[in-house]
PDB file of N, CA and C in Angstrom:
ATOM      1  N   MET A   1      16.235  -7.190   5.876  1.00  0.00           N
ATOM      2  CA  MET A   1      15.244  -6.613   6.769  1.00  0.00           C
ATOM      3  C   MET A   1      14.043  -6.126   5.940  1.00  0.00           C
ATOM      4  N   THR A   2      12.885  -6.511   6.359  1.00  0.00           N
ATOM      5  CA  THR A   2      11.672  -6.094   5.682  1.00  0.00           C
ATOM      6  C   THR A   2      11.245  -4.725   6.167  1.00  0.00           C
ATOM      7  N   ARG A   3      10.958  -3.828   5.226  1.00  0.00           N
ATOM      8  CA  ARG A   3      10.427  -2.508   5.554  1.00  0.00           C
ATOM      9  C   ARG A   3       8.983  -2.483   5.078  1.00  0.00           C
ATOM     10  N   THR A   4       8.177  -1.699   5.715  1.00  0.00           N
ATOM     11  CA  THR A   4       6.779  -1.602   5.333  1.00  0.00           C
ATOM     12  C   THR A   4       6.339  -0.148   5.309  1.00  0.00           C
ATOM     13  N   GLN A   5       5.312   0.120   4.496  1.00  0.00           N
ATOM     14  CA  GLN A   5       4.743   1.455   4.438  1.00  0.00           C
ATOM     15  C   GLN A   5       3.799   1.717   5.613  1.00  0.00           C
ATOM     16  N   HIS A   6       3.344   0.673   6.272  1.00  0.00           N
ATOM     17  CA  HIS A   6       2.350   0.806   7.339  1.00  0.00           C
ATOM     18  C   HIS A   6       3.038   0.737   8.702  1.00  0.00           C
ATOM     19  N   PRO A   7       2.682   1.618   9.642  1.00  0.00           N
ATOM     20  CA  PRO A   7       3.354   1.636  10.950  1.00  0.00           C
ATOM     21  C   PRO A   7       3.091   0.400  11.799  1.00  0.00           C
ATOM     22  N   ASN A   8       1.996  -0.307  11.564  1.00  0.00           N
ATOM     23  CA  ASN A   8       1.664  -1.493  12.347  1.00  0.00           C
ATOM     24  C   ASN A   8       1.136  -2.578  11.408  1.00  0.00           C
ATOM     25  N   PRO A   9       2.012  -3.234  10.643  1.00  0.00           N
ATOM     26  CA  PRO A   9       1.552  -4.193   9.643  1.00  0.00           C
ATOM     27  C   PRO A   9       0.756  -5.364  10.211  1.00  0.00           C
ATOM     28  N   ASP A  10       0.991  -5.712  11.468  1.00  0.00           N
ATOM     29  CA  ASP A  10       0.238  -6.814  12.068  1.00  0.00           C
ATOM     30  C   ASP A  10      -1.235  -6.483  12.257  1.00  0.00           C
ATOM     31  N   SER A  11      -1.582  -5.203  12.204  1.00  0.00           N
ATOM     32  CA  SER A  11      -2.981  -4.800  12.377  1.00  0.00           C
ATOM     33  C   SER A  11      -3.752  -4.826  11.058  1.00  0.00           C
ATOM     34  N   LEU A  12      -3.073  -5.082   9.954  1.00  0.00           N
ATOM     35  CA  LEU A  12      -3.746  -5.085   8.652  1.00  0.00           C
ATOM     36  C   LEU A  12      -4.643  -6.306   8.515  1.00  0.00           C
ATOM     37  N   CYS A  13      -5.567  -6.225   7.590  1.00  0.00           N
ATOM     38  CA  CYS A  13      -6.646  -7.197   7.468  1.00  0.00           C
ATOM     39  C   CYS A  13      -6.203  -8.592   7.058  1.00  0.00           C
ATOM     40  N   CYS A  14      -5.146  -8.716   6.257  1.00  0.00           N
ATOM     41  CA  CYS A  14      -4.753 -10.044   5.789  1.00  0.00           C
ATOM     42  C   CYS A  14      -3.273 -10.058   5.402  1.00  0.00           C
ATOM     43  N   GLU A  15      -2.736 -11.247   5.245  1.00  0.00           N
ATOM     44  CA  GLU A  15      -1.329 -11.399   4.884  1.00  0.00           C
ATOM     45  C   GLU A  15      -1.043 -10.818   3.503  1.00  0.00           C
ATOM     46  N   SER A  16      -1.998 -10.872   2.601  1.00  0.00           N
ATOM     47  CA  SER A  16      -1.797 -10.333   1.257  1.00  0.00           C
ATOM     48  C   SER A  16      -1.624  -8.813   1.307  1.00  0.00           C
ATOM     49  N   MET A  17      -2.415  -8.140   2.136  1.00  0.00           N
ATOM     50  CA  MET A  17      -2.273  -6.691   2.279  1.00  0.00           C
ATOM     51  C   MET A  17      -0.942  -6.365   2.945  1.00  0.00           C
ATOM     52  N   GLN A  18      -0.554  -7.137   3.946  1.00  0.00           N
ATOM     53  CA  GLN A  18       0.747  -6.933   4.580  1.00  0.00           C
ATOM     54  C   GLN A  18       1.862  -7.063   3.551  1.00  0.00           C
ATOM     55  N   ALA A  19       1.808  -8.091   2.740  1.00  0.00           N
ATOM     56  CA  ALA A  19       2.843  -8.323   1.732  1.00  0.00           C
ATOM     57  C   ALA A  19       2.857  -7.205   0.697  1.00  0.00           C
ATOM     58  N   ALA A  20       1.692  -6.700   0.321  1.00  0.00           N
ATOM     59  CA  ALA A  20       1.615  -5.640  -0.687  1.00  0.00           C
ATOM     60  C   ALA A  20       2.231  -4.334  -0.184  1.00  0.00           C
ATOM     61  N   LEU A  21       2.231  -4.125   1.120  1.00  0.00           N
ATOM     62  CA  LEU A  21       2.780  -2.892   1.685  1.00  0.00           C
ATOM     63  C   LEU A  21       4.232  -3.026   2.126  1.00  0.00           C
ATOM     64  N   GLU A  22       4.806  -4.236   1.971  1.00  0.00           N
ATOM     65  CA  GLU A  22       6.216  -4.420   2.281  1.00  0.00           C
ATOM     66  C   GLU A  22       7.058  -3.836   1.154  1.00  0.00           C
ATOM     67  N   LEU A  23       8.194  -3.268   1.520  1.00  0.00           N
ATOM     68  CA  LEU A  23       9.120  -2.698   0.546  1.00  0.00           C
ATOM     69  C   LEU A  23      10.367  -3.577   0.513  1.00  0.00           C
ATOM     70  N   ASN A  24      10.378  -4.560  -0.365  1.00  0.00           N
ATOM     71  CA  ASN A  24      11.498  -5.489  -0.451  1.00  0.00           C
ATOM     72  C   ASN A  24      12.318  -5.323  -1.718  1.00  0.00           C
ATOM     73  N   CYS A  25      12.031  -4.325  -2.514  1.00  0.00           N
ATOM     74  CA  CYS A  25      12.718  -4.121  -3.781  1.00  0.00           C
ATOM     75  C   CYS A  25      14.143  -3.634  -3.534  1.00  0.00           C
ATOM     76  N   THR A  26      15.100  -4.294  -4.155  1.00  0.00           N
ATOM     77  CA  THR A  26      16.501  -3.889  -3.996  1.00  0.00           C
ATOM     78  C   THR A  26      16.875  -2.742  -4.928  1.00  0.00           C
ATOM     79  N   GLU A  27      16.012  -2.436  -5.899  1.00  0.00           N
ATOM     80  CA  GLU A  27      16.303  -1.374  -6.868  1.00  0.00           C
ATOM     81  C   GLU A  27      15.594  -0.059  -6.572  1.00  0.00           C
ATOM     82  N   HIS A  28      14.486  -0.110  -5.826  1.00  0.00           N
ATOM     83  CA  HIS A  28      13.677   1.088  -5.608  1.00  0.00           C
ATOM     84  C   HIS A  28      13.364   1.268  -4.125  1.00  0.00           C
ATOM     85  N   ASP A  29      13.602   2.478  -3.614  1.00  0.00           N
ATOM     86  CA  ASP A  29      13.238   2.801  -2.232  1.00  0.00           C
ATOM     87  C   ASP A  29      11.816   3.329  -2.131  1.00  0.00           C
ATOM     88  N   ASP A  30      11.310   3.858  -3.220  1.00  0.00           N
ATOM     89  CA  ASP A  30       9.980   4.469  -3.255  1.00  0.00           C
ATOM     90  C   ASP A  30       9.015   3.530  -3.969  1.00  0.00           C
ATOM     91  N   PRO A  31       7.888   3.188  -3.336  1.00  0.00           N
ATOM     92  CA  PRO A  31       6.937   2.277  -3.989  1.00  0.00           C
ATOM     93  C   PRO A  31       6.400   2.816  -5.314  1.00  0.00           C
ATOM     94  N   PHE A  32       6.398   4.125  -5.497  1.00  0.00           N
ATOM     95  CA  PHE A  32       5.903   4.695  -6.748  1.00  0.00           C
ATOM     96  C   PHE A  32       6.883   4.469  -7.894  1.00  0.00           C
ATOM     97  N   ASP A  33       8.136   4.211  -7.567  1.00  0.00           N
ATOM     98  CA  ASP A  33       9.150   3.937  -8.587  1.00  0.00           C
ATOM     99  C   ASP A  33       9.242   2.462  -8.943  1.00  0.00           C
ATOM    100  N   CYS A  34       8.722   1.601  -8.102  1.00  0.00           N
ATOM    101  CA  CYS A  34       8.834   0.150  -8.297  1.00  0.00           C
ATOM    102  C   CYS A  34       7.593  -0.387  -9.011  1.00  0.00           C
ATOM    103  N   PRO A  35       7.771  -0.986 -10.185  1.00  0.00           N
ATOM    104  CA  PRO A  35       6.615  -1.504 -10.916  1.00  0.00           C
ATOM    105  C   PRO A  35       5.914  -2.672 -10.221  1.00  0.00           C
ATOM    106  N   ASP A  36       6.574  -3.286  -9.238  1.00  0.00           N
ATOM    107  CA  ASP A  36       5.958  -4.400  -8.507  1.00  0.00           C
ATOM    108  C   ASP A  36       5.091  -3.946  -7.337  1.00  0.00           C
ATOM    109  N   SER A  37       5.178  -2.685  -6.943  1.00  0.00           N
ATOM    110  CA  SER A  37       4.368  -2.163  -5.835  1.00  0.00           C
ATOM    111  C   SER A  37       2.961  -1.856  -6.334  1.00  0.00           C
ATOM    112  N   LEU A  38       1.973  -2.355  -5.615  1.00  0.00           N
ATOM    113  CA  LEU A  38       0.576  -2.174  -6.015  1.00  0.00           C
ATOM    114  C   LEU A  38      -0.191  -1.211  -5.127  1.00  0.00           C
ATOM    115  N   ILE A  39       0.129  -1.210  -3.835  1.00  0.00           N
ATOM    116  CA  ILE A  39      -0.648  -0.463  -2.844  1.00  0.00           C
ATOM    117  C   ILE A  39       0.238   0.578  -2.183  1.00  0.00           C
ATOM    118  N   ALA A  40      -0.325   1.754  -1.946  1.00  0.00           N
ATOM    119  CA  ALA A  40       0.356   2.803  -1.184  1.00  0.00           C
ATOM    120  C   ALA A  40      -0.482   3.099   0.055  1.00  0.00           C
ATOM    121  N   TYR A  41       0.193   3.491   1.120  1.00  0.00           N
ATOM    122  CA  TYR A  41      -0.489   3.866   2.355  1.00  0.00           C
ATOM    123  C   TYR A  41      -0.024   5.259   2.755  1.00  0.00           C
ATOM    124  N   ASN A  42      -0.967   6.137   3.037  1.00  0.00           N
ATOM    125  CA  ASN A  42      -0.674   7.489   3.509  1.00  0.00           C
ATOM    126  C   ASN A  42      -1.001   7.521   4.995  1.00  0.00           C
ATOM    127  N   GLU A  43       0.036   7.544   5.812  1.00  0.00           N
ATOM    128  CA  GLU A  43      -0.165   7.485   7.267  1.00  0.00           C
ATOM    129  C   GLU A  43      -0.876   8.719   7.792  1.00  0.00           C
ATOM    130  N   GLY A  44      -0.538   9.895   7.269  1.00  0.00           N
ATOM    131  CA  GLY A  44      -1.156  11.135   7.739  1.00  0.00           C
ATOM    132  C   GLY A  44      -2.656  11.166   7.531  1.00  0.00           C
ATOM    133  N   LEU A  45      -3.107  10.591   6.418  1.00  0.00           N
ATOM    134  CA  LEU A  45      -4.538  10.562   6.104  1.00  0.00           C
ATOM    135  C   LEU A  45      -5.191   9.229   6.445  1.00  0.00           C
ATOM    136  N   ASN A  46      -4.377   8.241   6.823  1.00  0.00           N
ATOM    137  CA  ASN A  46      -4.857   6.885   7.106  1.00  0.00           C
ATOM    138  C   ASN A  46      -5.665   6.345   5.922  1.00  0.00           C
ATOM    139  N   GLN A  47      -5.057   6.445   4.723  1.00  0.00           N
ATOM    140  CA  GLN A  47      -5.722   6.012   3.502  1.00  0.00           C
ATOM    141  C   GLN A  47      -4.870   5.007   2.738  1.00  0.00           C
ATOM    142  N   PHE A  48      -5.554   4.077   2.092  1.00  0.00           N
ATOM    143  CA  PHE A  48      -4.921   3.095   1.230  1.00  0.00           C
ATOM    144  C   PHE A  48      -5.310   3.413  -0.209  1.00  0.00           C
ATOM    145  N   ALA A  49      -4.404   3.112  -1.146  1.00  0.00           N
ATOM    146  CA  ALA A  49      -4.687   3.422  -2.538  1.00  0.00           C
ATOM    147  C   ALA A  49      -3.929   2.477  -3.463  1.00  0.00           C
ATOM    148  N   LEU A  50      -4.487   2.289  -4.650  1.00  0.00           N
ATOM    149  CA  LEU A  50      -3.785   1.575  -5.708  1.00  0.00           C
ATOM    150  C   LEU A  50      -2.860   2.563  -6.401  1.00  0.00           C
ATOM    151  N   ILE A  51      -1.630   2.144  -6.655  1.00  0.00           N
ATOM    152  CA  ILE A  51      -0.669   3.004  -7.333  1.00  0.00           C
ATOM    153  C   ILE A  51      -0.917   2.936  -8.834  1.00  0.00           C
ATOM    154  N   VAL A  52      -1.016   4.096  -9.478  1.00  0.00           N
ATOM    155  CA  VAL A  52      -1.137   4.183 -10.933  1.00  0.00           C
ATOM    156  C   VAL A  52       0.286   4.414 -11.448  1.00  0.00           C
ATOM    157  N   HIS A  53       0.856   3.405 -12.060  1.00  0.00           N
ATOM    158  CA  HIS A  53       2.240   3.505 -12.538  1.00  0.00           C
ATOM    159  C   HIS A  53       2.278   4.217 -13.882  1.00  0.00           C
ATOM    160  N   ASP A  54       2.207   5.547 -13.811  1.00  0.00           N
ATOM    161  CA  ASP A  54       2.218   6.366 -15.022  1.00  0.00           C
ATOM    162  C   ASP A  54       3.391   7.339 -15.021  1.00  0.00           C
ATOM    163  N   GLY A  55       4.351   7.091 -14.149  1.00  0.00           N
ATOM    164  CA  GLY A  55       5.510   7.969 -14.054  1.00  0.00           C
ATOM    165  C   GLY A  55       5.355   9.076 -13.031  1.00  0.00           C
ATOM    166  N   GLY A  56       4.158   9.217 -12.471  1.00  0.00           N
ATOM    167  CA  GLY A  56       3.908  10.247 -11.465  1.00  0.00           C
ATOM    168  C   GLY A  56       3.594   9.624 -10.122  1.00  0.00           C
ATOM    169  N   ARG A  57       2.797  10.320  -9.347  1.00  0.00           N
ATOM    170  CA  ARG A  57       2.420   9.835  -8.014  1.00  0.00           C
ATOM    171  C   ARG A  57       0.908   9.716  -7.898  1.00  0.00           C
ATOM    172  N   ASP A  58       0.260   9.358  -9.004  1.00  0.00           N
ATOM    173  CA  ASP A  58      -1.196   9.213  -9.004  1.00  0.00           C
ATOM    174  C   ASP A  58      -1.615   7.924  -8.312  1.00  0.00           C
ATOM    175  N   VAL A  59      -2.758   7.995  -7.623  1.00  0.00           N
ATOM    176  CA  VAL A  59      -3.321   6.841  -6.927  1.00  0.00           C
ATOM    177  C   VAL A  59      -4.832   6.821  -7.106  1.00  0.00           C
ATOM    178  N   ILE A  60      -5.393   5.672  -6.833  1.00  0.00           N
ATOM    179  CA  ILE A  60      -6.846   5.513  -6.777  1.00  0.00           C
ATOM    180  C   ILE A  60      -7.167   5.032  -5.366  1.00  0.00           C
ATOM    181  N   LEU A  61      -7.868   5.850  -4.592  1.00  0.00           N
ATOM    182  CA  LEU A  61      -8.203   5.474  -3.216  1.00  0.00           C
ATOM    183  C   LEU A  61      -9.086   4.232  -3.215  1.00  0.00           C
ATOM    184  N   ILE A  62      -8.848   3.363  -2.238  1.00  0.00           N
ATOM    185  CA  ILE A  62      -9.656   2.158  -2.093  1.00  0.00           C
ATOM    186  C   ILE A  62     -10.253   2.121  -0.693  1.00  0.00           C
ATOM    187  N   ARG A  63     -11.432   1.580  -0.593  1.00  0.00           N
ATOM    188  CA  ARG A  63     -12.137   1.479   0.694  1.00  0.00           C
ATOM    189  C   ARG A  63     -12.163   0.065   1.241  1.00  0.00           C
ATOM    190  N   TYR A  64     -11.876  -0.908   0.372  1.00  0.00           N
ATOM    191  CA  TYR A  64     -11.903  -2.316   0.762  1.00  0.00           C
ATOM    192  C   TYR A  64     -10.635  -3.005   0.290  1.00  0.00           C
ATOM    193  N   CYS A  65     -10.184  -3.981   1.030  1.00  0.00           N
ATOM    194  CA  CYS A  65      -9.002  -4.744   0.661  1.00  0.00           C
ATOM    195  C   CYS A  65      -9.275  -5.492  -0.642  1.00  0.00           C
ATOM    196  N   PRO A  66      -8.382  -5.382  -1.621  1.00  0.00           N
ATOM    197  CA  PRO A  66      -8.598  -6.081  -2.886  1.00  0.00           C
ATOM    198  C   PRO A  66      -8.473  -7.599  -2.771  1.00  0.00           C
ATOM    199  N   TRP A  67      -7.911  -8.116  -1.680  1.00  0.00           N
ATOM    200  CA  TRP A  67      -7.724  -9.547  -1.522  1.00  0.00           C
ATOM    201  C   TRP A  67      -8.797 -10.193  -0.652  1.00  0.00           C
ATOM    202  N   CYS A  68      -9.105  -9.592   0.492  1.00  0.00           N
ATOM    203  CA  CYS A  68     -10.052 -10.256   1.402  1.00  0.00           C
ATOM    204  C   CYS A  68     -11.391  -9.537   1.521  1.00  0.00           C
ATOM    205  N   GLY A  69     -11.483  -8.321   1.003  1.00  0.00           N
ATOM    206  CA  GLY A  69     -12.747  -7.584   1.016  1.00  0.00           C
ATOM    207  C   GLY A  69     -13.047  -6.832   2.303  1.00  0.00           C
ATOM    208  N   THR A  70     -12.144  -6.856   3.259  1.00  0.00           N
ATOM    209  CA  THR A  70     -12.355  -6.148   4.524  1.00  0.00           C
ATOM    210  C   THR A  70     -12.387  -4.643   4.292  1.00  0.00           C
ATOM    211  N   LYS A  71     -13.306  -3.957   4.981  1.00  0.00           N
ATOM    212  CA  LYS A  71     -13.370  -2.509   4.893  1.00  0.00           C
ATOM    213  C   LYS A  71     -12.101  -1.921   5.514  1.00  0.00           C
ATOM    214  N   LEU A  72     -11.491  -1.002   4.780  1.00  0.00           N
ATOM    215  CA  LEU A  72     -10.276  -0.351   5.250  1.00  0.00           C
ATOM    216  C   LEU A  72     -10.612   0.945   5.962  1.00  0.00           C
ATOM    217  N   ALA A  73      -9.599   1.702   6.315  1.00  0.00           N
ATOM    218  CA  ALA A  73      -9.803   2.997   6.979  1.00  0.00           C
ATOM    219  C   ALA A  73     -10.701   3.874   6.119  1.00  0.00           C
ATOM    220  N   GLU A  74     -11.415   4.744   6.759  1.00  0.00           N
ATOM    221  CA  GLU A  74     -12.290   5.665   6.048  1.00  0.00           C
ATOM    222  C   GLU A  74     -11.490   6.555   5.131  1.00  0.00           C
ATOM    223  N   THR A  75     -11.969   6.731   3.905  1.00  0.00           N
ATOM    224  CA  THR A  75     -11.332   7.641   2.962  1.00  0.00           C
ATOM    225  C   THR A  75     -12.257   8.813   2.728  1.00  0.00           C
ATOM    226  N   GLU A  76     -11.658   9.946   2.419  1.00  0.00           N
ATOM    227  CA  GLU A  76     -12.466  11.151   2.176  1.00  0.00           C
ATOM    228  C   GLU A  76     -12.519  11.440   0.706  1.00  0.00           C
TER     229      GLU A  76
END
């Protein structure tokens, strides 16, 4: 069963963004723990971010999809 970080993955801008937010790792439940996870989504803030894999929970907010260039949700 595919799990996703986004509540409505079909509404995302492209298949690449959908795939990036899927959680298919059999070793890690948290995307911050999985070195293959690139994108994080914060539902409460409606923000997308690149995960900085430095052992913590650091992110870099993004305003545009890294694959298709579509403007994402507003970030503050």
